[in-house]
Amino acid sequence: MLSISHIIKNFENVNALKNVSLNIQNGEFFGLIGPNGAGKSTLMNIIVGFLEADSGKVSIDGEVISSKNIQLRKKIGYVPQEISLYLELSAYQNLRLFGEFYNLTSKKLEEKIDSVLELVQLTDRRKDAVKDFSGGMKRRLNLAASLLHDPEIVLCDEPTVGVDPQSRNAIFEMLSELNKSGKTIVYTTHYMEEAERLCSRLAIIDNGDVIAQGTLIELINLLNQRDTIKIQKTSATLNKLPLLREMGQVTEHDFYYEIIPEDGYGQNSKIFSKLEENGIPNAFVQLSRATLEDVFLNMTGRSLRD
């Protein structure tokens, strides 16, 4: 287990982290979400041992991480937010250089280079200079470099910043496969859609404070907000307002009605069936659920990306 206990970190007049505590179980895909400047990268740098906390500690299975505890730090692979590659070198040369820091035998290192290049789908570009890679390819090679020593924990700090949707999906699939193989993934992002898709458990951090943590369902339940039904305003729905009010609380917007269902319509399928029976086809109806963005907005009064 990765244990983060009462971490405080200040930079001059900035309280970067304020008594942060988290417990991340072995094999979890754990998300740390929050806006830029919330303290996510600072916490990642403390976990990996690049920064010392002012107080508090980070431990793996009870053993405290520090800048001097090299063997323990080898259990961690770090994918930094910035691209940390030598652009003039080839993909293979970059991995060979980084791999030699781990004192692997030449044969073992070659095997690992082949393995991680295959994982990140860059085998056919192994001899090409990184300067000629797309942003997504650089991100994938960045990930590959963190895996050469076969770490138990992989820290990913905003690993999809600036990449196209296809590369983003490729990175998602690679990280999911790593997690399925038993690796613990800690993933920071300010994109709530990524966190919802990937993470089994999450913590929301804002201004250096962890303001909530739990599974996606547990966090959404903090809102005490149920699913709503949106019904498009058309000629088929404009005269149906009395019917809609029988089903729940109705709010009228410029282009649609929004229903919060009454308990008698607790199953959304009942509403869809009732609407169809009354001449409102499902094409005009949309189920809208609460999201992590809603949770963050409710707790902080602002959008995650403000």
C-alpha atoms as a PDB file:
ATOM      1  CA  MET A   1       0.000   0.000   0.000  1.00  0.00           C
ATOM      2  CA  LEU A   2       1.107   3.546  -0.809  1.00  0.00           C
ATOM      3  CA  SER A   3       0.413   5.651   2.277  1.00  0.00           C
ATOM      4  CA  ILE A   4       0.509   9.468   2.223  1.00  0.00           C
ATOM      5  CA  SER A   5       0.262  10.809   5.744  1.00  0.00           C
ATOM      6  CA  HIS A   6      -0.274  14.450   6.794  1.00  0.00           C
ATOM      7  CA  ILE A   7       1.875  15.981   4.038  1.00  0.00           C
ATOM      8  CA  ILE A   8       2.514  19.717   4.316  1.00  0.00           C
ATOM      9  CA  LYS A   9       4.592  21.611   1.751  1.00  0.00           C
ATOM     10  CA  ASN A  10       5.090  25.370   1.493  1.00  0.00           C
ATOM     11  CA  PHE A  11       6.935  27.474  -1.091  1.00  0.00           C
ATOM     12  CA  GLU A  12       7.647  30.960   0.275  1.00  0.00           C
ATOM     13  CA  ASN A  13       4.132  32.382   0.726  1.00  0.00           C
ATOM     14  CA  VAL A  14       2.333  29.535  -1.077  1.00  0.00           C
ATOM     15  CA  ASN A  15       0.761  26.679   0.914  1.00  0.00           C
ATOM     16  CA  ALA A  16       1.121  24.055  -1.808  1.00  0.00           C
ATOM     17  CA  LEU A  17      -0.114  21.099   0.276  1.00  0.00           C
ATOM     18  CA  LYS A  18      -2.100  21.340   3.490  1.00  0.00           C
ATOM     19  CA  ASN A  19      -2.099  18.199   5.623  1.00  0.00           C
ATOM     20  CA  VAL A  20      -2.791  15.788   2.727  1.00  0.00           C
ATOM     21  CA  SER A  21      -3.457  12.152   3.647  1.00  0.00           C
ATOM     22  CA  LEU A  22      -4.332   9.327   1.224  1.00  0.00           C
ATOM     23  CA  ASN A  23      -4.100   5.534   1.299  1.00  0.00           C
ATOM     24  CA  ILE A  24      -3.763   3.863  -2.110  1.00  0.00           C
ATOM     25  CA  GLN A  25      -4.177   0.098  -2.176  1.00  0.00           C
ATOM     26  CA  ASN A  26      -1.939  -2.263  -4.138  1.00  0.00           C
ATOM     27  CA  GLY A  27      -3.323  -2.747  -7.648  1.00  0.00           C
ATOM     28  CA  GLU A  28      -5.597   0.308  -7.578  1.00  0.00           C
ATOM     29  CA  PHE A  29      -6.066   2.766 -10.427  1.00  0.00           C
ATOM     30  CA  PHE A  30      -6.229   5.891  -8.286  1.00  0.00           C
ATOM     31  CA  GLY A  31      -7.092   9.322  -9.667  1.00  0.00           C
ATOM     32  CA  LEU A  32      -6.038  12.667  -8.234  1.00  0.00           C
ATOM     33  CA  ILE A  33      -8.132  15.364  -9.882  1.00  0.00           C
ATOM     34  CA  GLY A  34      -8.051  19.117  -9.539  1.00  0.00           C
ATOM     35  CA  PRO A  35      -7.353  22.318 -11.474  1.00  0.00           C
ATOM     36  CA  ASN A  36      -3.893  23.496 -12.474  1.00  0.00           C
ATOM     37  CA  GLY A  37      -2.055  24.760  -9.401  1.00  0.00           C
ATOM     38  CA  ALA A  38      -4.037  22.586  -6.980  1.00  0.00           C
ATOM     39  CA  GLY A  39      -0.925  20.766  -5.709  1.00  0.00           C
ATOM     40  CA  LYS A  40      -1.090  17.570  -7.766  1.00  0.00           C
ATOM     41  CA  SER A  41       2.418  17.763  -9.257  1.00  0.00           C
ATOM     42  CA  THR A  42       3.925  18.828  -5.929  1.00  0.00           C
ATOM     43  CA  LEU A  43       2.445  15.739  -4.289  1.00  0.00           C
ATOM     44  CA  MET A  44       3.748  13.504  -7.098  1.00  0.00           C
ATOM     45  CA  ASN A  45       7.243  14.934  -6.698  1.00  0.00           C
ATOM     46  CA  ILE A  46       7.138  14.250  -2.969  1.00  0.00           C
ATOM     47  CA  ILE A  47       5.953  10.666  -3.529  1.00  0.00           C
ATOM     48  CA  VAL A  48       8.780   9.941  -5.950  1.00  0.00           C
ATOM     49  CA  GLY A  49      11.334  11.571  -3.650  1.00  0.00           C
ATOM     50  CA  PHE A  50      12.264  14.578  -5.791  1.00  0.00           C
ATOM     51  CA  LEU A  51      10.945  16.957  -3.114  1.00  0.00           C
ATOM     52  CA  GLU A  52      11.033  16.698   0.669  1.00  0.00           C
ATOM     53  CA  ALA A  53       7.817  17.499   2.525  1.00  0.00           C
ATOM     54  CA  ASP A  54       7.961  20.106   5.283  1.00  0.00           C
ATOM     55  CA  SER A  55       6.171  17.578   7.468  1.00  0.00           C
ATOM     56  CA  GLY A  56       4.397  14.258   7.098  1.00  0.00           C
ATOM     57  CA  LYS A  57       5.601  11.115   5.376  1.00  0.00           C
ATOM     58  CA  VAL A  58       5.046   8.842   2.379  1.00  0.00           C
ATOM     59  CA  SER A  59       5.563   5.109   2.712  1.00  0.00           C
ATOM     60  CA  ILE A  60       5.255   1.927   0.665  1.00  0.00           C
ATOM     61  CA  ASP A  61       4.106  -1.091   2.681  1.00  0.00           C
ATOM     62  CA  GLY A  62       5.216   0.679   5.843  1.00  0.00           C
ATOM     63  CA  GLU A  63       8.679   1.733   4.654  1.00  0.00           C
ATOM     64  CA  VAL A  64       9.193   5.508   4.459  1.00  0.00           C
ATOM     65  CA  ILE A  65      10.250   7.032   1.133  1.00  0.00           C
ATOM     66  CA  SER A  66      13.054   9.593   1.156  1.00  0.00           C
ATOM     67  CA  SER A  67      15.525  11.025  -1.330  1.00  0.00           C
ATOM     68  CA  LYS A  68      18.195   8.745   0.180  1.00  0.00           C
ATOM     69  CA  ASN A  69      16.192   5.514   0.016  1.00  0.00           C
ATOM     70  CA  ILE A  70      17.092   4.581  -3.547  1.00  0.00           C
ATOM     71  CA  GLN A  71      15.991   0.939  -3.395  1.00  0.00           C
ATOM     72  CA  LEU A  72      12.502   1.852  -2.251  1.00  0.00           C
ATOM     73  CA  ARG A  73      12.205   4.564  -4.890  1.00  0.00           C
ATOM     74  CA  LYS A  74      12.938   1.923  -7.544  1.00  0.00           C
ATOM     75  CA  LYS A  75       9.495   0.508  -6.841  1.00  0.00           C
ATOM     76  CA  ILE A  76       8.100   3.658  -8.489  1.00  0.00           C
ATOM     77  CA  GLY A  77       7.984   4.612 -12.153  1.00  0.00           C
ATOM     78  CA  TYR A  78       7.371   8.297 -12.833  1.00  0.00           C
ATOM     79  CA  VAL A  79       5.773   9.764 -15.959  1.00  0.00           C
ATOM     80  CA  PRO A  80       6.306  13.541 -15.594  1.00  0.00           C
ATOM     81  CA  GLN A  81       3.988  16.179 -16.992  1.00  0.00           C
ATOM     82  CA  GLU A  82       6.778  17.608 -19.128  1.00  0.00           C
ATOM     83  CA  ILE A  83       8.349  15.506 -21.884  1.00  0.00           C
ATOM     84  CA  SER A  84      11.636  14.245 -20.412  1.00  0.00           C
ATOM     85  CA  LEU A  85      13.407  12.913 -23.488  1.00  0.00           C
ATOM     86  CA  TYR A  86      16.502  13.770 -25.522  1.00  0.00           C
ATOM     87  CA  LEU A  87      15.053  14.982 -28.811  1.00  0.00           C
ATOM     88  CA  GLU A  88      18.181  14.435 -30.897  1.00  0.00           C
ATOM     89  CA  LEU A  89      18.448  10.785 -29.827  1.00  0.00           C
ATOM     90  CA  SER A  90      16.370   7.931 -31.185  1.00  0.00           C
ATOM     91  CA  ALA A  91      13.653   6.191 -29.199  1.00  0.00           C
ATOM     92  CA  TYR A  92      15.991   3.243 -28.606  1.00  0.00           C
ATOM     93  CA  GLN A  93      18.892   5.475 -27.528  1.00  0.00           C
ATOM     94  CA  ASN A  94      16.666   7.297 -25.035  1.00  0.00           C
ATOM     95  CA  LEU A  95      15.495   4.048 -23.483  1.00  0.00           C
ATOM     96  CA  ARG A  96      19.013   2.611 -23.439  1.00  0.00           C
ATOM     97  CA  LEU A  97      20.289   5.717 -21.644  1.00  0.00           C
ATOM     98  CA  PHE A  98      17.520   5.749 -19.016  1.00  0.00           C
ATOM     99  CA  GLY A  99      17.674   1.984 -18.565  1.00  0.00           C
ATOM    100  CA  GLU A 100      21.364   2.034 -17.684  1.00  0.00           C
ATOM    101  CA  PHE A 101      20.533   3.988 -14.513  1.00  0.00           C
ATOM    102  CA  TYR A 102      18.902   0.827 -13.117  1.00  0.00           C
ATOM    103  CA  ASN A 103      22.001  -1.403 -13.363  1.00  0.00           C
ATOM    104  CA  LEU A 104      20.253  -3.959 -15.545  1.00  0.00           C
ATOM    105  CA  THR A 105      22.413  -6.437 -17.439  1.00  0.00           C
ATOM    106  CA  SER A 106      22.783  -5.631 -21.127  1.00  0.00           C
ATOM    107  CA  LYS A 107      20.653  -8.630 -22.109  1.00  0.00           C
ATOM    108  CA  LYS A 108      17.922  -7.786 -19.586  1.00  0.00           C
ATOM    109  CA  LEU A 109      17.864  -4.148 -20.660  1.00  0.00           C
ATOM    110  CA  GLU A 110      17.515  -5.083 -24.330  1.00  0.00           C
ATOM    111  CA  GLU A 111      14.616  -7.363 -23.441  1.00  0.00           C
ATOM    112  CA  LYS A 112      12.922  -4.567 -21.478  1.00  0.00           C
ATOM    113  CA  ILE A 113      13.439  -2.038 -24.278  1.00  0.00           C
ATOM    114  CA  ASP A 114      11.819  -4.423 -26.750  1.00  0.00           C
ATOM    115  CA  SER A 115       8.959  -5.052 -24.325  1.00  0.00           C
ATOM    116  CA  VAL A 116       8.124  -1.409 -23.550  1.00  0.00           C
ATOM    117  CA  LEU A 117       8.429  -0.326 -27.183  1.00  0.00           C
ATOM    118  CA  GLU A 118       5.922  -3.008 -28.098  1.00  0.00           C
ATOM    119  CA  LEU A 119       3.603  -1.910 -25.288  1.00  0.00           C
ATOM    120  CA  VAL A 120       3.590   1.720 -26.446  1.00  0.00           C
ATOM    121  CA  GLN A 121       3.389   0.705 -30.118  1.00  0.00           C
ATOM    122  CA  LEU A 122       6.663   2.314 -31.178  1.00  0.00           C
ATOM    123  CA  THR A 123       8.699  -0.733 -32.209  1.00  0.00           C
ATOM    124  CA  ASP A 124       8.753   0.366 -35.851  1.00  0.00           C
ATOM    125  CA  ARG A 125      10.045   3.825 -34.839  1.00  0.00           C
ATOM    126  CA  ARG A 126      12.806   2.665 -32.479  1.00  0.00           C
ATOM    127  CA  LYS A 127      15.604   4.056 -34.679  1.00  0.00           C
ATOM    128  CA  ASP A 128      13.937   7.399 -35.397  1.00  0.00           C
ATOM    129  CA  ALA A 129      14.920  10.639 -33.665  1.00  0.00           C
ATOM    130  CA  VAL A 130      12.421  11.757 -31.036  1.00  0.00           C
ATOM    131  CA  LYS A 131      12.411  15.279 -32.541  1.00  0.00           C
ATOM    132  CA  ASP A 132      10.465  13.813 -35.479  1.00  0.00           C
ATOM    133  CA  PHE A 133       7.781  12.262 -33.255  1.00  0.00           C
ATOM    134  CA  SER A 134       4.272  13.625 -32.820  1.00  0.00           C
ATOM    135  CA  GLY A 135       3.185  14.858 -29.404  1.00  0.00           C
ATOM    136  CA  GLY A 136       1.315  11.619 -28.758  1.00  0.00           C
ATOM    137  CA  MET A 137       4.328   9.481 -29.683  1.00  0.00           C
ATOM    138  CA  LYS A 138       6.549  11.475 -27.316  1.00  0.00           C
ATOM    139  CA  ARG A 139       4.007  10.957 -24.545  1.00  0.00           C
ATOM    140  CA  ARG A 140       4.000   7.216 -25.173  1.00  0.00           C
ATOM    141  CA  LEU A 141       7.798   7.065 -25.156  1.00  0.00           C
ATOM    142  CA  ASN A 142       7.766   9.092 -21.921  1.00  0.00           C
ATOM    143  CA  LEU A 143       5.575   6.332 -20.457  1.00  0.00           C
ATOM    144  CA  ALA A 144       7.859   3.607 -21.817  1.00  0.00           C
ATOM    145  CA  ALA A 145      10.894   5.141 -20.076  1.00  0.00           C
ATOM    146  CA  SER A 146       9.124   4.893 -16.711  1.00  0.00           C
ATOM    147  CA  LEU A 147       8.587   1.140 -17.094  1.00  0.00           C
ATOM    148  CA  LEU A 148      12.094  -0.124 -17.855  1.00  0.00           C
ATOM    149  CA  HIS A 149      12.770  -1.214 -14.267  1.00  0.00           C
ATOM    150  CA  ASP A 150       9.378  -2.942 -13.934  1.00  0.00           C
ATOM    151  CA  PRO A 151       8.049  -0.719 -11.097  1.00  0.00           C
ATOM    152  CA  GLU A 152       5.214  -1.747  -8.798  1.00  0.00           C
ATOM    153  CA  ILE A 153       3.721   1.774  -8.790  1.00  0.00           C
ATOM    154  CA  VAL A 154       3.400   4.054 -11.836  1.00  0.00           C
ATOM    155  CA  LEU A 155       2.856   7.763 -11.205  1.00  0.00           C
ATOM    156  CA  CYS A 156       1.331   9.538 -14.214  1.00  0.00           C
ATOM    157  CA  ASP A 157       1.252  13.328 -13.972  1.00  0.00           C
ATOM    158  CA  GLU A 158      -1.151  14.695 -16.621  1.00  0.00           C
ATOM    159  CA  PRO A 159       0.130  12.181 -19.217  1.00  0.00           C
ATOM    160  CA  THR A 160      -2.274  13.223 -22.001  1.00  0.00           C
ATOM    161  CA  VAL A 161      -1.695  16.985 -22.049  1.00  0.00           C
ATOM    162  CA  GLY A 162      -1.526  18.264 -25.615  1.00  0.00           C
ATOM    163  CA  VAL A 163      -2.184  14.984 -27.422  1.00  0.00           C
ATOM    164  CA  ASP A 164      -4.801  14.117 -30.030  1.00  0.00           C
ATOM    165  CA  PRO A 165      -7.829  11.938 -29.176  1.00  0.00           C
ATOM    166  CA  GLN A 166      -6.383   8.836 -30.871  1.00  0.00           C
ATOM    167  CA  SER A 167      -3.131   9.036 -28.884  1.00  0.00           C
ATOM    168  CA  ARG A 168      -5.094   9.760 -25.714  1.00  0.00           C
ATOM    169  CA  ASN A 169      -7.130   6.581 -26.173  1.00  0.00           C
ATOM    170  CA  ALA A 170      -3.948   4.602 -26.854  1.00  0.00           C
ATOM    171  CA  ILE A 171      -2.450   5.849 -23.567  1.00  0.00           C
ATOM    172  CA  PHE A 172      -5.673   4.949 -21.728  1.00  0.00           C
ATOM    173  CA  GLU A 173      -5.531   1.410 -23.090  1.00  0.00           C
ATOM    174  CA  MET A 174      -1.847   1.006 -22.189  1.00  0.00           C
ATOM    175  CA  LEU A 175      -2.391   2.181 -18.624  1.00  0.00           C
ATOM    176  CA  SER A 176      -5.447  -0.048 -18.235  1.00  0.00           C
ATOM    177  CA  GLU A 177      -3.408  -3.043 -19.378  1.00  0.00           C
ATOM    178  CA  LEU A 178      -0.646  -2.182 -16.907  1.00  0.00           C
ATOM    179  CA  ASN A 179      -3.211  -1.957 -14.136  1.00  0.00           C
ATOM    180  CA  LYS A 180      -4.734  -5.307 -15.112  1.00  0.00           C
ATOM    181  CA  SER A 181      -1.247  -6.823 -14.893  1.00  0.00           C
ATOM    182  CA  GLY A 182      -1.133  -5.808 -11.213  1.00  0.00           C
ATOM    183  CA  LYS A 183       0.576  -2.441 -11.236  1.00  0.00           C
ATOM    184  CA  THR A 184      -0.722   0.359  -9.038  1.00  0.00           C
ATOM    185  CA  ILE A 185      -1.460   3.467 -11.102  1.00  0.00           C
ATOM    186  CA  VAL A 186      -1.677   6.967  -9.608  1.00  0.00           C
ATOM    187  CA  TYR A 187      -3.046   9.338 -12.232  1.00  0.00           C
ATOM    188  CA  THR A 188      -3.365  13.115 -11.994  1.00  0.00           C
ATOM    189  CA  THR A 189      -5.609  15.074 -14.337  1.00  0.00           C
ATOM    190  CA  HIS A 190      -7.839  18.131 -14.598  1.00  0.00           C
ATOM    191  CA  TYR A 191      -9.997  16.326 -17.183  1.00  0.00           C
ATOM    192  CA  MET A 192     -12.862  14.777 -15.259  1.00  0.00           C
ATOM    193  CA  GLU A 193     -13.835  12.570 -18.223  1.00  0.00           C
ATOM    194  CA  GLU A 194     -10.446  10.818 -17.988  1.00  0.00           C
ATOM    195  CA  ALA A 195     -10.835  10.205 -14.266  1.00  0.00           C
ATOM    196  CA  GLU A 196     -14.365   8.863 -14.688  1.00  0.00           C
ATOM    197  CA  ARG A 197     -13.246   6.460 -17.403  1.00  0.00           C
ATOM    198  CA  LEU A 198     -10.062   5.128 -15.822  1.00  0.00           C
ATOM    199  CA  CYS A 199     -10.038   5.342 -12.040  1.00  0.00           C
ATOM    200  CA  SER A 200     -11.472   2.889  -9.534  1.00  0.00           C
ATOM    201  CA  ARG A 201     -11.116   5.466  -6.748  1.00  0.00           C
ATOM    202  CA  LEU A 202     -10.484   9.199  -6.734  1.00  0.00           C
ATOM    203  CA  ALA A 203      -9.497  12.159  -4.615  1.00  0.00           C
ATOM    204  CA  ILE A 204     -10.395  15.771  -5.429  1.00  0.00           C
ATOM    205  CA  ILE A 205      -7.683  18.283  -4.526  1.00  0.00           C
ATOM    206  CA  ASP A 206      -8.069  22.046  -4.563  1.00  0.00           C
ATOM    207  CA  ASN A 207      -5.720  24.723  -3.221  1.00  0.00           C
ATOM    208  CA  GLY A 208      -3.575  22.059  -1.572  1.00  0.00           C
ATOM    209  CA  ASP A 209      -6.471  20.388   0.273  1.00  0.00           C
ATOM    210  CA  VAL A 210      -8.038  17.005  -0.399  1.00  0.00           C
ATOM    211  CA  ILE A 211     -11.697  17.993  -0.223  1.00  0.00           C
ATOM    212  CA  ALA A 212     -13.250  14.598  -1.038  1.00  0.00           C
ATOM    213  CA  GLN A 213     -12.262  11.050  -1.902  1.00  0.00           C
ATOM    214  CA  GLY A 214     -13.983   7.794  -2.777  1.00  0.00           C
ATOM    215  CA  THR A 215     -15.312   5.861  -5.736  1.00  0.00           C
ATOM    216  CA  LEU A 216     -17.048   7.726  -8.540  1.00  0.00           C
ATOM    217  CA  ILE A 217     -20.449   6.712  -7.196  1.00  0.00           C
ATOM    218  CA  GLU A 218     -19.529   7.739  -3.644  1.00  0.00           C
ATOM    219  CA  LEU A 219     -18.398  11.171  -4.819  1.00  0.00           C
ATOM    220  CA  ILE A 220     -21.493  11.747  -6.944  1.00  0.00           C
ATOM    221  CA  ASN A 221     -23.689  10.662  -4.034  1.00  0.00           C
ATOM    222  CA  LEU A 222     -22.214  13.534  -2.022  1.00  0.00           C
ATOM    223  CA  LEU A 223     -24.360  15.818  -4.174  1.00  0.00           C
ATOM    224  CA  ASN A 224     -27.601  14.192  -3.103  1.00  0.00           C
ATOM    225  CA  GLN A 225     -28.516  14.813  -6.734  1.00  0.00           C
ATOM    226  CA  ARG A 226     -30.439  12.312  -8.811  1.00  0.00           C
ATOM    227  CA  ASP A 227     -30.417  11.729 -12.542  1.00  0.00           C
ATOM    228  CA  THR A 228     -32.480  14.181 -14.543  1.00  0.00           C
ATOM    229  CA  ILE A 229     -34.386  13.694 -17.778  1.00  0.00           C
ATOM    230  CA  LYS A 230     -34.074  16.310 -20.518  1.00  0.00           C
ATOM    231  CA  ILE A 231     -36.852  16.510 -23.115  1.00  0.00           C
ATOM    232  CA  GLN A 232     -36.322  18.557 -26.235  1.00  0.00           C
ATOM    233  CA  LYS A 233     -38.899  21.238 -26.994  1.00  0.00           C
ATOM    234  CA  THR A 234     -40.584  20.358 -30.274  1.00  0.00           C
ATOM    235  CA  SER A 235     -44.093  20.458 -31.712  1.00  0.00           C
ATOM    236  CA  ALA A 236     -44.544  16.985 -30.212  1.00  0.00           C
ATOM    237  CA  THR A 237     -43.666  18.066 -26.675  1.00  0.00           C
ATOM    238  CA  LEU A 238     -44.885  21.651 -26.280  1.00  0.00           C
ATOM    239  CA  ASN A 239     -48.404  20.598 -25.226  1.00  0.00           C
ATOM    240  CA  LYS A 240     -47.186  17.842 -22.877  1.00  0.00           C
ATOM    241  CA  LEU A 241     -46.183  19.989 -19.908  1.00  0.00           C
ATOM    242  CA  PRO A 242     -49.058  18.744 -17.658  1.00  0.00           C
ATOM    243  CA  LEU A 243     -47.969  15.149 -18.336  1.00  0.00           C
ATOM    244  CA  LEU A 244     -44.352  15.940 -17.492  1.00  0.00           C
ATOM    245  CA  ARG A 245     -45.378  17.553 -14.193  1.00  0.00           C
ATOM    246  CA  GLU A 246     -47.085  14.296 -13.190  1.00  0.00           C
ATOM    247  CA  MET A 247     -43.699  12.590 -13.368  1.00  0.00           C
ATOM    248  CA  GLY A 248     -41.649  14.941 -11.230  1.00  0.00           C
ATOM    249  CA  GLN A 249     -40.291  18.425 -10.723  1.00  0.00           C
ATOM    250  CA  VAL A 250     -40.061  20.212 -14.084  1.00  0.00           C
ATOM    251  CA  THR A 251     -37.764  23.099 -14.962  1.00  0.00           C
ATOM    252  CA  GLU A 252     -38.350  24.851 -18.278  1.00  0.00           C
ATOM    253  CA  HIS A 253     -35.324  26.018 -20.301  1.00  0.00           C
ATOM    254  CA  ASP A 254     -35.117  27.760 -23.677  1.00  0.00           C
ATOM    255  CA  PHE A 255     -34.832  24.574 -25.721  1.00  0.00           C
ATOM    256  CA  TYR A 256     -35.764  21.726 -23.364  1.00  0.00           C
ATOM    257  CA  TYR A 257     -37.657  20.664 -20.253  1.00  0.00           C
ATOM    258  CA  GLU A 258     -35.744  19.042 -17.386  1.00  0.00           C
ATOM    259  CA  ILE A 259     -37.447  16.589 -15.009  1.00  0.00           C
ATOM    260  CA  ILE A 260     -36.258  15.432 -11.593  1.00  0.00           C
ATOM    261  CA  PRO A 261     -38.337  12.239 -11.294  1.00  0.00           C
ATOM    262  CA  GLU A 262     -40.662  11.622  -8.378  1.00  0.00           C
ATOM    263  CA  ASP A 263     -40.110   8.471  -6.312  1.00  0.00           C
ATOM    264  CA  GLY A 264     -42.907   6.708  -8.152  1.00  0.00           C
ATOM    265  CA  TYR A 265     -40.807   6.994 -11.299  1.00  0.00           C
ATOM    266  CA  GLY A 266     -37.574   5.888  -9.635  1.00  0.00           C
ATOM    267  CA  GLN A 267     -36.758   3.658 -12.566  1.00  0.00           C
ATOM    268  CA  ASN A 268     -35.934   5.870 -15.546  1.00  0.00           C
ATOM    269  CA  SER A 269     -37.251   3.212 -17.934  1.00  0.00           C
ATOM    270  CA  LYS A 270     -40.769   3.922 -16.609  1.00  0.00           C
ATOM    271  CA  ILE A 271     -40.465   7.541 -17.706  1.00  0.00           C
ATOM    272  CA  PHE A 272     -39.227   6.613 -21.167  1.00  0.00           C
ATOM    273  CA  SER A 273     -42.129   4.157 -21.567  1.00  0.00           C
ATOM    274  CA  LYS A 274     -44.688   6.708 -20.337  1.00  0.00           C
ATOM    275  CA  LEU A 275     -43.378   9.358 -22.710  1.00  0.00           C
ATOM    276  CA  GLU A 276     -43.537   6.994 -25.694  1.00  0.00           C
ATOM    277  CA  GLU A 277     -47.099   6.020 -24.780  1.00  0.00           C
ATOM    278  CA  ASN A 278     -47.985   9.723 -24.955  1.00  0.00           C
ATOM    279  CA  GLY A 279     -46.408  10.407 -28.324  1.00  0.00           C
ATOM    280  CA  ILE A 280     -42.957  11.631 -27.257  1.00  0.00           C
ATOM    281  CA  PRO A 281     -40.354   9.420 -28.974  1.00  0.00           C
ATOM    282  CA  ASN A 282     -37.078   8.516 -27.226  1.00  0.00           C
ATOM    283  CA  ALA A 283     -35.175  10.518 -29.856  1.00  0.00           C
ATOM    284  CA  PHE A 284     -36.317  13.671 -28.005  1.00  0.00           C
ATOM    285  CA  VAL A 285     -35.356  12.358 -24.549  1.00  0.00           C
ATOM    286  CA  GLN A 286     -31.943  12.355 -22.866  1.00  0.00           C
ATOM    287  CA  LEU A 287     -30.851  10.959 -19.498  1.00  0.00           C
ATOM    288  CA  SER A 288     -28.467  13.360 -17.763  1.00  0.00           C
ATOM    289  CA  ARG A 289     -26.488  12.221 -14.722  1.00  0.00           C
ATOM    290  CA  ALA A 290     -24.310  14.089 -12.275  1.00  0.00           C
ATOM    291  CA  THR A 291     -20.569  14.144 -13.000  1.00  0.00           C
ATOM    292  CA  LEU A 292     -17.314  14.810 -11.189  1.00  0.00           C
ATOM    293  CA  GLU A 293     -17.489  18.315 -12.644  1.00  0.00           C
ATOM    294  CA  ASP A 294     -20.774  18.786 -10.777  1.00  0.00           C
ATOM    295  CA  VAL A 295     -19.178  17.502  -7.566  1.00  0.00           C
ATOM    296  CA  PHE A 296     -16.267  19.925  -7.904  1.00  0.00           C
ATOM    297  CA  LEU A 297     -18.559  22.842  -8.735  1.00  0.00           C
ATOM    298  CA  ASN A 298     -20.764  22.045  -5.741  1.00  0.00           C
ATOM    299  CA  MET A 299     -17.814  21.889  -3.339  1.00  0.00           C
ATOM    300  CA  THR A 300     -15.785  24.852  -4.582  1.00  0.00           C
ATOM    301  CA  GLY A 301     -18.291  27.106  -6.353  1.00  0.00           C
ATOM    302  CA  ARG A 302     -16.270  27.057  -9.573  1.00  0.00           C
ATOM    303  CA  SER A 303     -15.562  24.844 -12.548  1.00  0.00           C
ATOM    304  CA  LEU A 304     -12.698  22.365 -12.517  1.00  0.00           C
ATOM    305  CA  ARG A 305     -11.113  24.189 -15.467  1.00  0.00           C
ATOM    306  CA  ASP A 306     -11.662  27.793 -14.334  1.00  0.00           C
END
